[in-house]
Amino acid sequence: MTNIWLCLILGLVAGTMSGMTGIGGGIIVLPALILFLGFSQHQAQGTTLALLVLPIDLLAAWTYYQQGYVDLKVAGLLCLGFIFGGWFGAQIGTSLPNGVLTKIFAFLLIISAVRVLFMTSADSV
């Protein structure tokens, strides 16, 4: 069973970071779905695309959906948290000095890159 609170909190965190730095979906949500909810890489990618579906990734998300790689319930819960988290993060981000915001963004990219580089998955060769 999907952990509703985990999905809402993940959406809130990702939305906050997105509002602050302009990133969130692929950098935060995708790895978190794999690590905390046990999604495969395909499921995480499909669900993340569904989260960001309108209008950006409609066709990509539809393709994943047709293959059975989208969890609509999780995508919906993430969207709910992301909406409020995005607003909250934008409030914080617009109040931070440019240098601080740049460092936060760089830190998230570095952490994500290192994590993805060393991430193990049952799907990897």
PDB file of N, CA and C in Angstrom:
ATOM      1  N   MET A   1       0.840  -1.190   0.000  1.00  0.00           N
ATOM      2  CA  MET A   1       0.000   0.000   0.000  1.00  0.00           C
ATOM      3  C   MET A   1       0.877   1.242   0.000  1.00  0.00           C
ATOM      4  N   THR A   2       0.473   2.230  -0.743  1.00  0.00           N
ATOM      5  CA  THR A   2       1.218   3.480  -0.847  1.00  0.00           C
ATOM      6  C   THR A   2       1.116   4.251   0.464  1.00  0.00           C
ATOM      7  N   ASN A   3       2.247   4.760   0.919  1.00  0.00           N
ATOM      8  CA  ASN A   3       2.266   5.582   2.118  1.00  0.00           C
ATOM      9  C   ASN A   3       1.841   6.997   1.740  1.00  0.00           C
ATOM     10  N   ILE A   4       0.603   7.348   2.045  1.00  0.00           N
ATOM     11  CA  ILE A   4       0.035   8.643   1.653  1.00  0.00           C
ATOM     12  C   ILE A   4       0.841   9.794   2.239  1.00  0.00           C
ATOM     13  N   TRP A   5       1.177   9.714   3.505  1.00  0.00           N
ATOM     14  CA  TRP A   5       1.920  10.807   4.135  1.00  0.00           C
ATOM     15  C   TRP A   5       3.304  10.971   3.528  1.00  0.00           C
ATOM     16  N   LEU A   6       3.970   9.862   3.235  1.00  0.00           N
ATOM     17  CA  LEU A   6       5.288   9.931   2.610  1.00  0.00           C
ATOM     18  C   LEU A   6       5.203  10.618   1.248  1.00  0.00           C
ATOM     19  N   CYS A   7       4.200  10.273   0.466  1.00  0.00           N
ATOM     20  CA  CYS A   7       4.015  10.889  -0.853  1.00  0.00           C
ATOM     21  C   CYS A   7       3.733  12.383  -0.729  1.00  0.00           C
ATOM     22  N   LEU A   8       2.866  12.754   0.208  1.00  0.00           N
ATOM     23  CA  LEU A   8       2.555  14.174   0.397  1.00  0.00           C
ATOM     24  C   LEU A   8       3.783  14.958   0.864  1.00  0.00           C
ATOM     25  N   ILE A   9       4.540  14.388   1.797  1.00  0.00           N
ATOM     26  CA  ILE A   9       5.741  15.061   2.298  1.00  0.00           C
ATOM     27  C   ILE A   9       6.790  15.155   1.198  1.00  0.00           C
ATOM     28  N   LEU A  10       6.962  14.082   0.427  1.00  0.00           N
ATOM     29  CA  LEU A  10       7.907  14.110  -0.680  1.00  0.00           C
ATOM     30  C   LEU A  10       7.521  15.191  -1.689  1.00  0.00           C
ATOM     31  N   GLY A  11       6.251  15.280  -2.009  1.00  0.00           N
ATOM     32  CA  GLY A  11       5.773  16.331  -2.916  1.00  0.00           C
ATOM     33  C   GLY A  11       6.022  17.717  -2.349  1.00  0.00           C
ATOM     34  N   LEU A  12       5.815  17.870  -1.045  1.00  0.00           N
ATOM     35  CA  LEU A  12       6.050  19.156  -0.384  1.00  0.00           C
ATOM     36  C   LEU A  12       7.525  19.532  -0.423  1.00  0.00           C
ATOM     37  N   VAL A  13       8.396  18.579  -0.110  1.00  0.00           N
ATOM     38  CA  VAL A  13       9.848  18.837  -0.145  1.00  0.00           C
ATOM     39  C   VAL A  13      10.304  19.162  -1.561  1.00  0.00           C
ATOM     40  N   ALA A  14       9.870  18.346  -2.523  1.00  0.00           N
ATOM     41  CA  ALA A  14      10.269  18.582  -3.915  1.00  0.00           C
ATOM     42  C   ALA A  14       9.722  19.905  -4.423  1.00  0.00           C
ATOM     43  N   GLY A  15       8.503  20.212  -4.059  1.00  0.00           N
ATOM     44  CA  GLY A  15       7.913  21.488  -4.467  1.00  0.00           C
ATOM     45  C   GLY A  15       8.635  22.666  -3.843  1.00  0.00           C
ATOM     46  N   THR A  16       9.004  22.517  -2.579  1.00  0.00           N
ATOM     47  CA  THR A  16       9.757  23.574  -1.896  1.00  0.00           C
ATOM     48  C   THR A  16      11.099  23.796  -2.584  1.00  0.00           C
ATOM     49  N   MET A  17      11.803  22.711  -2.854  1.00  0.00           N
ATOM     50  CA  MET A  17      13.101  22.841  -3.511  1.00  0.00           C
ATOM     51  C   MET A  17      12.939  23.395  -4.926  1.00  0.00           C
ATOM     52  N   SER A  18      11.890  22.993  -5.610  1.00  0.00           N
ATOM     53  CA  SER A  18      11.636  23.499  -6.954  1.00  0.00           C
ATOM     54  C   SER A  18      11.338  24.994  -6.913  1.00  0.00           C
ATOM     55  N   GLY A  19      10.537  25.402  -5.954  1.00  0.00           N
ATOM     56  CA  GLY A  19      10.228  26.823  -5.811  1.00  0.00           C
ATOM     57  C   GLY A  19      11.454  27.643  -5.465  1.00  0.00           C
ATOM     58  N   MET A  20      12.369  27.054  -4.705  1.00  0.00           N
ATOM     59  CA  MET A  20      13.593  27.761  -4.309  1.00  0.00           C
ATOM     60  C   MET A  20      14.638  27.765  -5.409  1.00  0.00           C
ATOM     61  N   THR A  21      14.810  26.636  -6.095  1.00  0.00           N
ATOM     62  CA  THR A  21      15.957  26.487  -6.986  1.00  0.00           C
ATOM     63  C   THR A  21      15.596  26.205  -8.438  1.00  0.00           C
ATOM     64  N   GLY A  22      14.345  25.890  -8.718  1.00  0.00           N
ATOM     65  CA  GLY A  22      13.949  25.563 -10.081  1.00  0.00           C
ATOM     66  C   GLY A  22      14.103  24.094 -10.429  1.00  0.00           C
ATOM     67  N   ILE A  23      14.483  23.253  -9.464  1.00  0.00           N
ATOM     68  CA  ILE A  23      14.602  21.815  -9.707  1.00  0.00           C
ATOM     69  C   ILE A  23      13.751  21.058  -8.701  1.00  0.00           C
ATOM     70  N   GLY A  24      13.414  19.848  -8.983  1.00  0.00           N
ATOM     71  CA  GLY A  24      12.629  19.064  -8.039  1.00  0.00           C
ATOM     72  C   GLY A  24      12.244  17.703  -8.546  1.00  0.00           C
ATOM     73  N   GLY A  25      11.605  17.620  -9.714  1.00  0.00           N
ATOM     74  CA  GLY A  25      11.091  16.348 -10.203  1.00  0.00           C
ATOM     75  C   GLY A  25      12.130  15.261 -10.343  1.00  0.00           C
ATOM     76  N   GLY A  26      13.021  15.405 -11.284  1.00  0.00           N
ATOM     77  CA  GLY A  26      14.010  14.370 -11.548  1.00  0.00           C
ATOM     78  C   GLY A  26      15.121  14.309 -10.529  1.00  0.00           C
ATOM     79  N   ILE A  27      15.380  15.404  -9.860  1.00  0.00           N
ATOM     80  CA  ILE A  27      16.485  15.462  -8.906  1.00  0.00           C
ATOM     81  C   ILE A  27      16.073  14.922  -7.539  1.00  0.00           C
ATOM     82  N   ILE A  28      14.850  15.183  -7.126  1.00  0.00           N
ATOM     83  CA  ILE A  28      14.416  14.792  -5.781  1.00  0.00           C
ATOM     84  C   ILE A  28      13.394  13.659  -5.825  1.00  0.00           C
ATOM     85  N   VAL A  29      12.338  13.821  -6.598  1.00  0.00           N
ATOM     86  CA  VAL A  29      11.238  12.859  -6.592  1.00  0.00           C
ATOM     87  C   VAL A  29      11.671  11.499  -7.130  1.00  0.00           C
ATOM     88  N   LEU A  30      12.331  11.480  -8.264  1.00  0.00           N
ATOM     89  CA  LEU A  30      12.689  10.211  -8.892  1.00  0.00           C
ATOM     90  C   LEU A  30      13.551   9.335  -7.990  1.00  0.00           C
ATOM     91  N   PRO A  31      14.671   9.829  -7.464  1.00  0.00           N
ATOM     92  CA  PRO A  31      15.457   8.968  -6.562  1.00  0.00           C
ATOM     93  C   PRO A  31      14.688   8.580  -5.294  1.00  0.00           C
ATOM     94  N   ALA A  32      13.859   9.488  -4.789  1.00  0.00           N
ATOM     95  CA  ALA A  32      13.103   9.190  -3.563  1.00  0.00           C
ATOM     96  C   ALA A  32      12.081   8.075  -3.796  1.00  0.00           C
ATOM     97  N   LEU A  33      11.454   8.056  -4.971  1.00  0.00           N
ATOM     98  CA  LEU A  33      10.510   6.978  -5.274  1.00  0.00           C
ATOM     99  C   LEU A  33      11.208   5.625  -5.280  1.00  0.00           C
ATOM    100  N   ILE A  34      12.431   5.609  -5.776  1.00  0.00           N
ATOM    101  CA  ILE A  34      13.205   4.364  -5.810  1.00  0.00           C
ATOM    102  C   ILE A  34      13.635   3.968  -4.397  1.00  0.00           C
ATOM    103  N   LEU A  35      14.177   4.916  -3.653  1.00  0.00           N
ATOM    104  CA  LEU A  35      14.729   4.616  -2.331  1.00  0.00           C
ATOM    105  C   LEU A  35      13.675   4.370  -1.259  1.00  0.00           C
ATOM    106  N   PHE A  36      12.622   5.186  -1.251  1.00  0.00           N
ATOM    107  CA  PHE A  36      11.661   5.116  -0.152  1.00  0.00           C
ATOM    108  C   PHE A  36      10.403   4.307  -0.460  1.00  0.00           C
ATOM    109  N   LEU A  37      10.039   4.222  -1.743  1.00  0.00           N
ATOM    110  CA  LEU A  37       8.826   3.486  -2.097  1.00  0.00           C
ATOM    111  C   LEU A  37       9.112   2.218  -2.890  1.00  0.00           C
ATOM    112  N   GLY A  38      10.384   1.951  -3.165  1.00  0.00           N
ATOM    113  CA  GLY A  38      10.750   0.718  -3.840  1.00  0.00           C
ATOM    114  C   GLY A  38      10.365   0.651  -5.305  1.00  0.00           C
ATOM    115  N   PHE A  39      10.187   1.803  -5.952  1.00  0.00           N
ATOM    116  CA  PHE A  39       9.833   1.819  -7.362  1.00  0.00           C
ATOM    117  C   PHE A  39      11.032   1.365  -8.202  1.00  0.00           C
ATOM    118  N   SER A  40      10.749   0.771  -9.361  1.00  0.00           N
ATOM    119  CA  SER A  40      11.802   0.508 -10.341  1.00  0.00           C
ATOM    120  C   SER A  40      12.145   1.836 -11.009  1.00  0.00           C
ATOM    121  N   GLN A  41      13.253   1.860 -11.748  1.00  0.00           N
ATOM    122  CA  GLN A  41      13.630   3.076 -12.475  1.00  0.00           C
ATOM    123  C   GLN A  41      12.513   3.498 -13.428  1.00  0.00           C
ATOM    124  N   HIS A  42      11.916   2.540 -14.142  1.00  0.00           N
ATOM    125  CA  HIS A  42      10.833   2.856 -15.076  1.00  0.00           C
ATOM    126  C   HIS A  42       9.622   3.446 -14.356  1.00  0.00           C
ATOM    127  N   GLN A  43       9.231   2.823 -13.248  1.00  0.00           N
ATOM    128  CA  GLN A  43       8.080   3.327 -12.495  1.00  0.00           C
ATOM    129  C   GLN A  43       8.355   4.727 -11.965  1.00  0.00           C
ATOM    130  N   ALA A  44       9.557   4.944 -11.437  1.00  0.00           N
ATOM    131  CA  ALA A  44       9.913   6.261 -10.902  1.00  0.00           C
ATOM    132  C   ALA A  44       9.896   7.313 -12.000  1.00  0.00           C
ATOM    133  N   GLN A  45      10.458   6.988 -13.148  1.00  0.00           N
ATOM    134  CA  GLN A  45      10.464   7.939 -14.260  1.00  0.00           C
ATOM    135  C   GLN A  45       9.048   8.221 -14.750  1.00  0.00           C
ATOM    136  N   GLY A  46       8.256   7.174 -14.935  1.00  0.00           N
ATOM    137  CA  GLY A  46       6.882   7.357 -15.408  1.00  0.00           C
ATOM    138  C   GLY A  46       6.038   8.158 -14.437  1.00  0.00           C
ATOM    139  N   THR A  47       6.167   7.858 -13.144  1.00  0.00           N
ATOM    140  CA  THR A  47       5.382   8.563 -12.132  1.00  0.00           C
ATOM    141  C   THR A  47       5.837  10.018 -12.011  1.00  0.00           C
ATOM    142  N   THR A  48       7.143  10.262 -12.098  1.00  0.00           N
ATOM    143  CA  THR A  48       7.653  11.633 -12.051  1.00  0.00           C
ATOM    144  C   THR A  48       7.160  12.423 -13.253  1.00  0.00           C
ATOM    145  N   LEU A  49       7.151  11.799 -14.429  1.00  0.00           N
ATOM    146  CA  LEU A  49       6.620  12.479 -15.613  1.00  0.00           C
ATOM    147  C   LEU A  49       5.135  12.801 -15.439  1.00  0.00           C
ATOM    148  N   ALA A  50       4.376  11.880 -14.849  1.00  0.00           N
ATOM    149  CA  ALA A  50       2.957  12.124 -14.618  1.00  0.00           C
ATOM    150  C   ALA A  50       2.758  13.288 -13.650  1.00  0.00           C
ATOM    151  N   LEU A  51       3.649  13.406 -12.684  1.00  0.00           N
ATOM    152  CA  LEU A  51       3.600  14.515 -11.731  1.00  0.00           C
ATOM    153  C   LEU A  51       3.737  15.846 -12.466  1.00  0.00           C
ATOM    154  N   LEU A  52       4.597  15.882 -13.458  1.00  0.00           N
ATOM    155  CA  LEU A  52       4.895  17.111 -14.183  1.00  0.00           C
ATOM    156  C   LEU A  52       4.193  17.158 -15.533  1.00  0.00           C
ATOM    157  N   VAL A  53       3.098  16.422 -15.672  1.00  0.00           N
ATOM    158  CA  VAL A  53       2.505  16.138 -16.972  1.00  0.00           C
ATOM    159  C   VAL A  53       2.013  17.372 -17.735  1.00  0.00           C
ATOM    160  N   LEU A  54       1.328  18.253 -17.110  1.00  0.00           N
ATOM    161  CA  LEU A  54       0.741  19.358 -17.867  1.00  0.00           C
ATOM    162  C   LEU A  54       1.568  20.616 -17.732  1.00  0.00           C
ATOM    163  N   PRO A  55       1.907  21.219 -18.817  1.00  0.00           N
ATOM    164  CA  PRO A  55       1.772  20.715 -20.188  1.00  0.00           C
ATOM    165  C   PRO A  55       3.051  20.080 -20.702  1.00  0.00           C
ATOM    166  N   ILE A  56       4.069  19.999 -19.887  1.00  0.00           N
ATOM    167  CA  ILE A  56       5.422  19.692 -20.335  1.00  0.00           C
ATOM    168  C   ILE A  56       5.590  18.278 -20.862  1.00  0.00           C
ATOM    169  N   ASP A  57       5.219  17.277 -20.116  1.00  0.00           N
ATOM    170  CA  ASP A  57       5.554  15.900 -20.460  1.00  0.00           C
ATOM    171  C   ASP A  57       4.348  15.029 -20.758  1.00  0.00           C
ATOM    172  N   LEU A  58       3.320  15.595 -21.321  1.00  0.00           N
ATOM    173  CA  LEU A  58       2.093  14.844 -21.564  1.00  0.00           C
ATOM    174  C   LEU A  58       2.338  13.601 -22.414  1.00  0.00           C
ATOM    175  N   LEU A  59       3.019  13.743 -23.531  1.00  0.00           N
ATOM    176  CA  LEU A  59       3.230  12.588 -24.411  1.00  0.00           C
ATOM    177  C   LEU A  59       4.194  11.574 -23.803  1.00  0.00           C
ATOM    178  N   ALA A  60       5.223  12.053 -23.127  1.00  0.00           N
ATOM    179  CA  ALA A  60       6.165  11.125 -22.484  1.00  0.00           C
ATOM    180  C   ALA A  60       5.467  10.339 -21.377  1.00  0.00           C
ATOM    181  N   ALA A  61       4.689  11.028 -20.549  1.00  0.00           N
ATOM    182  CA  ALA A  61       3.969  10.350 -19.462  1.00  0.00           C
ATOM    183  C   ALA A  61       2.953   9.360 -20.027  1.00  0.00           C
ATOM    184  N   TRP A  62       2.286   9.730 -21.109  1.00  0.00           N
ATOM    185  CA  TRP A  62       1.311   8.830 -21.733  1.00  0.00           C
ATOM    186  C   TRP A  62       1.986   7.543 -22.221  1.00  0.00           C
ATOM    187  N   THR A  63       3.177   7.696 -22.782  1.00  0.00           N
ATOM    188  CA  THR A  63       3.930   6.531 -23.254  1.00  0.00           C
ATOM    189  C   THR A  63       4.256   5.598 -22.097  1.00  0.00           C
ATOM    190  N   TYR A  64       4.742   6.146 -20.981  1.00  0.00           N
ATOM    191  CA  TYR A  64       5.031   5.332 -19.801  1.00  0.00           C
ATOM    192  C   TYR A  64       3.745   4.709 -19.248  1.00  0.00           C
ATOM    193  N   TYR A  65       2.658   5.480 -19.244  1.00  0.00           N
ATOM    194  CA  TYR A  65       1.374   4.984 -18.756  1.00  0.00           C
ATOM    195  C   TYR A  65       0.904   3.781 -19.574  1.00  0.00           C
ATOM    196  N   GLN A  66       1.024   3.857 -20.894  1.00  0.00           N
ATOM    197  CA  GLN A  66       0.615   2.764 -21.765  1.00  0.00           C
ATOM    198  C   GLN A  66       1.422   1.492 -21.491  1.00  0.00           C
ATOM    199  N   GLN A  67       2.641   1.636 -21.023  1.00  0.00           N
ATOM    200  CA  GLN A  67       3.495   0.490 -20.712  1.00  0.00           C
ATOM    201  C   GLN A  67       3.296  -0.009 -19.278  1.00  0.00           C
ATOM    202  N   GLY A  68       2.436   0.684 -18.503  1.00  0.00           N
ATOM    203  CA  GLY A  68       2.153   0.273 -17.129  1.00  0.00           C
ATOM    204  C   GLY A  68       3.140   0.792 -16.098  1.00  0.00           C
ATOM    205  N   TYR A  69       3.875   1.854 -16.453  1.00  0.00           N
ATOM    206  CA  TYR A  69       4.907   2.381 -15.561  1.00  0.00           C
ATOM    207  C   TYR A  69       4.506   3.651 -14.828  1.00  0.00           C
ATOM    208  N   VAL A  70       3.227   3.941 -14.674  1.00  0.00           N
ATOM    209  CA  VAL A  70       2.788   5.148 -13.979  1.00  0.00           C
ATOM    210  C   VAL A  70       1.853   4.765 -12.844  1.00  0.00           C
ATOM    211  N   ASP A  71       2.142   5.276 -11.653  1.00  0.00           N
ATOM    212  CA  ASP A  71       1.258   5.113 -10.505  1.00  0.00           C
ATOM    213  C   ASP A  71       0.516   6.434 -10.338  1.00  0.00           C
ATOM    214  N   LEU A  72      -0.727   6.484 -10.837  1.00  0.00           N
ATOM    215  CA  LEU A  72      -1.491   7.737 -10.836  1.00  0.00           C
ATOM    216  C   LEU A  72      -1.798   8.239  -9.428  1.00  0.00           C
ATOM    217  N   LYS A  73      -2.018   7.338  -8.490  1.00  0.00           N
ATOM    218  CA  LYS A  73      -2.303   7.748  -7.109  1.00  0.00           C
ATOM    219  C   LYS A  73      -1.110   8.482  -6.519  1.00  0.00           C
ATOM    220  N   VAL A  74       0.082   7.913  -6.686  1.00  0.00           N
ATOM    221  CA  VAL A  74       1.295   8.547  -6.177  1.00  0.00           C
ATOM    222  C   VAL A  74       1.525   9.882  -6.885  1.00  0.00           C
ATOM    223  N   ALA A  75       1.350   9.907  -8.211  1.00  0.00           N
ATOM    224  CA  ALA A  75       1.535  11.154  -8.960  1.00  0.00           C
ATOM    225  C   ALA A  75       0.573  12.237  -8.458  1.00  0.00           C
ATOM    226  N   GLY A  76      -0.669  11.879  -8.191  1.00  0.00           N
ATOM    227  CA  GLY A  76      -1.652  12.841  -7.686  1.00  0.00           C
ATOM    228  C   GLY A  76      -1.294  13.381  -6.311  1.00  0.00           C
ATOM    229  N   LEU A  77      -0.869  12.492  -5.421  1.00  0.00           N
ATOM    230  CA  LEU A  77      -0.470  12.924  -4.081  1.00  0.00           C
ATOM    231  C   LEU A  77       0.767  13.825  -4.137  1.00  0.00           C
ATOM    232  N   LEU A  78       1.721  13.466  -4.995  1.00  0.00           N
ATOM    233  CA  LEU A  78       2.906  14.297  -5.158  1.00  0.00           C
ATOM    234  C   LEU A  78       2.527  15.681  -5.684  1.00  0.00           C
ATOM    235  N   CYS A  79       1.598  15.722  -6.639  1.00  0.00           N
ATOM    236  CA  CYS A  79       1.146  17.010  -7.178  1.00  0.00           C
ATOM    237  C   CYS A  79       0.570  17.904  -6.083  1.00  0.00           C
ATOM    238  N   LEU A  80      -0.230  17.331  -5.229  1.00  0.00           N
ATOM    239  CA  LEU A  80      -0.832  18.106  -4.142  1.00  0.00           C
ATOM    240  C   LEU A  80       0.242  18.728  -3.246  1.00  0.00           C
ATOM    241  N   GLY A  81       1.200  17.920  -2.823  1.00  0.00           N
ATOM    242  CA  GLY A  81       2.291  18.453  -2.017  1.00  0.00           C
ATOM    243  C   GLY A  81       3.155  19.433  -2.790  1.00  0.00           C
ATOM    244  N   PHE A  82       3.370  19.161  -4.075  1.00  0.00           N
ATOM    245  CA  PHE A  82       4.234  19.993  -4.917  1.00  0.00           C
ATOM    246  C   PHE A  82       3.654  21.395  -5.088  1.00  0.00           C
ATOM    247  N   ILE A  83       2.325  21.497  -5.225  1.00  0.00           N
ATOM    248  CA  ILE A  83       1.677  22.802  -5.394  1.00  0.00           C
ATOM    249  C   ILE A  83       1.982  23.701  -4.195  1.00  0.00           C
ATOM    250  N   PHE A  84       1.723  23.190  -2.993  1.00  0.00           N
ATOM    251  CA  PHE A  84       1.956  23.992  -1.791  1.00  0.00           C
ATOM    252  C   PHE A  84       3.444  24.147  -1.490  1.00  0.00           C
ATOM    253  N   GLY A  85       4.225  23.100  -1.738  1.00  0.00           N
ATOM    254  CA  GLY A  85       5.666  23.183  -1.541  1.00  0.00           C
ATOM    255  C   GLY A  85       6.305  24.177  -2.494  1.00  0.00           C
ATOM    256  N   GLY A  86       5.831  24.219  -3.736  1.00  0.00           N
ATOM    257  CA  GLY A  86       6.345  25.174  -4.709  1.00  0.00           C
ATOM    258  C   GLY A  86       6.110  26.606  -4.257  1.00  0.00           C
ATOM    259  N   TRP A  87       4.918  26.867  -3.746  1.00  0.00           N
ATOM    260  CA  TRP A  87       4.614  28.209  -3.238  1.00  0.00           C
ATOM    261  C   TRP A  87       5.507  28.539  -2.042  1.00  0.00           C
ATOM    262  N   PHE A  88       5.614  27.585  -1.121  1.00  0.00           N
ATOM    263  CA  PHE A  88       6.429  27.791   0.081  1.00  0.00           C
ATOM    264  C   PHE A  88       7.897  28.004  -0.288  1.00  0.00           C
ATOM    265  N   GLY A  89       8.416  27.178  -1.181  1.00  0.00           N
ATOM    266  CA  GLY A  89       9.807  27.301  -1.608  1.00  0.00           C
ATOM    267  C   GLY A  89      10.071  28.612  -2.328  1.00  0.00           C
ATOM    268  N   ALA A  90       9.104  29.056  -3.116  1.00  0.00           N
ATOM    269  CA  ALA A  90       9.262  30.336  -3.808  1.00  0.00           C
ATOM    270  C   ALA A  90       9.327  31.488  -2.807  1.00  0.00           C
ATOM    271  N   GLN A  91       8.545  31.378  -1.743  1.00  0.00           N
ATOM    272  CA  GLN A  91       8.601  32.403  -0.693  1.00  0.00           C
ATOM    273  C   GLN A  91       9.995  32.460  -0.065  1.00  0.00           C
ATOM    274  N   ILE A  92      10.566  31.298   0.202  1.00  0.00           N
ATOM    275  CA  ILE A  92      11.906  31.225   0.781  1.00  0.00           C
ATOM    276  C   ILE A  92      12.951  31.656  -0.246  1.00  0.00           C
ATOM    277  N   GLY A  93      12.864  31.080  -1.444  1.00  0.00           N
ATOM    278  CA  GLY A  93      13.863  31.333  -2.475  1.00  0.00           C
ATOM    279  C   GLY A  93      13.984  32.792  -2.860  1.00  0.00           C
ATOM    280  N   THR A  94      12.859  33.474  -2.936  1.00  0.00           N
ATOM    281  CA  THR A  94      12.909  34.884  -3.315  1.00  0.00           C
ATOM    282  C   THR A  94      13.466  35.763  -2.207  1.00  0.00           C
ATOM    283  N   SER A  95      13.508  35.237  -0.997  1.00  0.00           N
ATOM    284  CA  SER A  95      14.054  36.021   0.114  1.00  0.00           C
ATOM    285  C   SER A  95      15.535  35.735   0.375  1.00  0.00           C
ATOM    286  N   LEU A  96      16.076  34.697  -0.252  1.00  0.00           N
ATOM    287  CA  LEU A  96      17.476  34.336  -0.044  1.00  0.00           C
ATOM    288  C   LEU A  96      18.390  35.154  -0.966  1.00  0.00           C
ATOM    289  N   PRO A  97      19.592  35.492  -0.491  1.00  0.00           N
ATOM    290  CA  PRO A  97      20.559  36.157  -1.370  1.00  0.00           C
ATOM    291  C   PRO A  97      20.948  35.244  -2.531  1.00  0.00           C
ATOM    292  N   ASN A  98      21.295  35.845  -3.646  1.00  0.00           N
ATOM    293  CA  ASN A  98      21.648  35.097  -4.849  1.00  0.00           C
ATOM    294  C   ASN A  98      22.740  34.068  -4.581  1.00  0.00           C
ATOM    295  N   GLY A  99      23.776  34.437  -3.856  1.00  0.00           N
ATOM    296  CA  GLY A  99      24.881  33.518  -3.581  1.00  0.00           C
ATOM    297  C   GLY A  99      24.448  32.300  -2.792  1.00  0.00           C
ATOM    298  N   VAL A 100      23.576  32.492  -1.821  1.00  0.00           N
ATOM    299  CA  VAL A 100      23.079  31.376  -1.009  1.00  0.00           C
ATOM    300  C   VAL A 100      22.245  30.445  -1.876  1.00  0.00           C
ATOM    301  N   LEU A 101      21.374  31.029  -2.689  1.00  0.00           N
ATOM    302  CA  LEU A 101      20.517  30.223  -3.555  1.00  0.00           C
ATOM    303  C   LEU A 101      21.353  29.423  -4.556  1.00  0.00           C
ATOM    304  N   THR A 102      22.387  30.039  -5.098  1.00  0.00           N
ATOM    305  CA  THR A 102      23.284  29.358  -6.028  1.00  0.00           C
ATOM    306  C   THR A 102      23.975  28.177  -5.355  1.00  0.00           C
ATOM    307  N   LYS A 103      24.406  28.359  -4.123  1.00  0.00           N
ATOM    308  CA  LYS A 103      25.077  27.275  -3.389  1.00  0.00           C
ATOM    309  C   LYS A 103      24.113  26.131  -3.092  1.00  0.00           C
ATOM    310  N   ILE A 104      22.886  26.435  -2.740  1.00  0.00           N
ATOM    311  CA  ILE A 104      21.877  25.397  -2.489  1.00  0.00           C
ATOM    312  C   ILE A 104      21.654  24.592  -3.771  1.00  0.00           C
ATOM    313  N   PHE A 105      21.488  25.294  -4.883  1.00  0.00           N
ATOM    314  CA  PHE A 105      21.282  24.637  -6.168  1.00  0.00           C
ATOM    315  C   PHE A 105      22.459  23.725  -6.514  1.00  0.00           C
ATOM    316  N   ALA A 106      23.669  24.237  -6.377  1.00  0.00           N
ATOM    317  CA  ALA A 106      24.876  23.450  -6.687  1.00  0.00           C
ATOM    318  C   ALA A 106      24.977  22.231  -5.774  1.00  0.00           C
ATOM    319  N   PHE A 107      24.697  22.407  -4.489  1.00  0.00           N
ATOM    320  CA  PHE A 107      24.742  21.295  -3.538  1.00  0.00           C
ATOM    321  C   PHE A 107      23.768  20.194  -3.939  1.00  0.00           C
ATOM    322  N   LEU A 108      22.541  20.568  -4.306  1.00  0.00           N
ATOM    323  CA  LEU A 108      21.550  19.574  -4.721  1.00  0.00           C
ATOM    324  C   LEU A 108      22.003  18.829  -5.968  1.00  0.00           C
ATOM    325  N   LEU A 109      22.596  19.533  -6.920  1.00  0.00           N
ATOM    326  CA  LEU A 109      23.078  18.878  -8.131  1.00  0.00           C
ATOM    327  C   LEU A 109      24.211  17.899  -7.827  1.00  0.00           C
ATOM    328  N   ILE A 110      25.148  18.314  -6.976  1.00  0.00           N
ATOM    329  CA  ILE A 110      26.282  17.448  -6.622  1.00  0.00           C
ATOM    330  C   ILE A 110      25.796  16.200  -5.887  1.00  0.00           C
ATOM    331  N   ILE A 111      24.962  16.387  -4.879  1.00  0.00           N
ATOM    332  CA  ILE A 111      24.439  15.256  -4.104  1.00  0.00           C
ATOM    333  C   ILE A 111      23.673  14.304  -5.019  1.00  0.00           C
ATOM    334  N   SER A 112      22.847  14.851  -5.892  1.00  0.00           N
ATOM    335  CA  SER A 112      22.078  14.014  -6.808  1.00  0.00           C
ATOM    336  C   SER A 112      22.983  13.252  -7.758  1.00  0.00           C
ATOM    337  N   ALA A 113      23.982  13.934  -8.298  1.00  0.00           N
ATOM    338  CA  ALA A 113      24.897  13.275  -9.236  1.00  0.00           C
ATOM    339  C   ALA A 113      25.659  12.141  -8.563  1.00  0.00           C
ATOM    340  N   VAL A 114      26.152  12.372  -7.370  1.00  0.00           N
ATOM    341  CA  VAL A 114      26.899  11.332  -6.645  1.00  0.00           C
ATOM    342  C   VAL A 114      25.978  10.171  -6.329  1.00  0.00           C
ATOM    343  N   ARG A 115      24.770  10.458  -5.888  1.00  0.00           N
ATOM    344  CA  ARG A 115      23.816   9.405  -5.525  1.00  0.00           C
ATOM    345  C   ARG A 115      23.466   8.549  -6.749  1.00  0.00           C
ATOM    346  N   VAL A 116      23.183   9.206  -7.871  1.00  0.00           N
ATOM    347  CA  VAL A 116      22.833   8.473  -9.082  1.00  0.00           C
ATOM    348  C   VAL A 116      24.021   7.652  -9.576  1.00  0.00           C
ATOM    349  N   LEU A 117      25.221   8.200  -9.480  1.00  0.00           N
ATOM    350  CA  LEU A 117      26.414   7.498  -9.918  1.00  0.00           C
ATOM    351  C   LEU A 117      26.597   6.178  -9.178  1.00  0.00           C
ATOM    352  N   PHE A 118      26.289   6.175  -7.882  1.00  0.00           N
ATOM    353  CA  PHE A 118      26.506   4.984  -7.069  1.00  0.00           C
ATOM    354  C   PHE A 118      25.225   4.229  -6.727  1.00  0.00           C
ATOM    355  N   MET A 119      24.097   4.629  -7.298  1.00  0.00           N
ATOM    356  CA  MET A 119      22.814   3.986  -7.025  1.00  0.00           C
ATOM    357  C   MET A 119      22.815   2.588  -7.608  1.00  0.00           C
ATOM    358  N   THR A 120      22.371   1.632  -6.822  1.00  0.00           N
ATOM    359  CA  THR A 120      22.233   0.272  -7.320  1.00  0.00           C
ATOM    360  C   THR A 120      20.752  -0.006  -7.503  1.00  0.00           C
ATOM    361  N   SER A 121      20.445  -0.759  -8.505  1.00  0.00           N
ATOM    362  CA  SER A 121      19.064  -1.093  -8.789  1.00  0.00           C
ATOM    363  C   SER A 121      19.001  -2.523  -9.304  1.00  0.00           C
ATOM    364  N   ALA A 122      17.903  -3.176  -9.047  1.00  0.00           N
ATOM    365  CA  ALA A 122      17.712  -4.543  -9.549  1.00  0.00           C
ATOM    366  C   ALA A 122      17.669  -4.557 -11.075  1.00  0.00           C
ATOM    367  N   ASP A 123      17.315  -3.394 -11.671  1.00  0.00           N
ATOM    368  CA  ASP A 123      17.216  -3.303 -13.123  1.00  0.00           C
ATOM    369  C   ASP A 123      18.557  -3.062 -13.793  1.00  0.00           C
ATOM    370  N   SER A 124      19.589  -2.661 -13.031  1.00  0.00           N
ATOM    371  CA  SER A 124      20.864  -2.316 -13.666  1.00  0.00           C
ATOM    372  C   SER A 124      21.605  -3.572 -14.097  1.00  0.00           C
ATOM    373  N   VAL A 125      22.396  -3.409 -15.120  1.00  0.00           N
ATOM    374  CA  VAL A 125      23.143  -4.546 -15.681  1.00  0.00           C
ATOM    375  C   VAL A 125      24.463  -4.692 -14.981  1.00  0.00           C
TER     376      VAL A 125
END
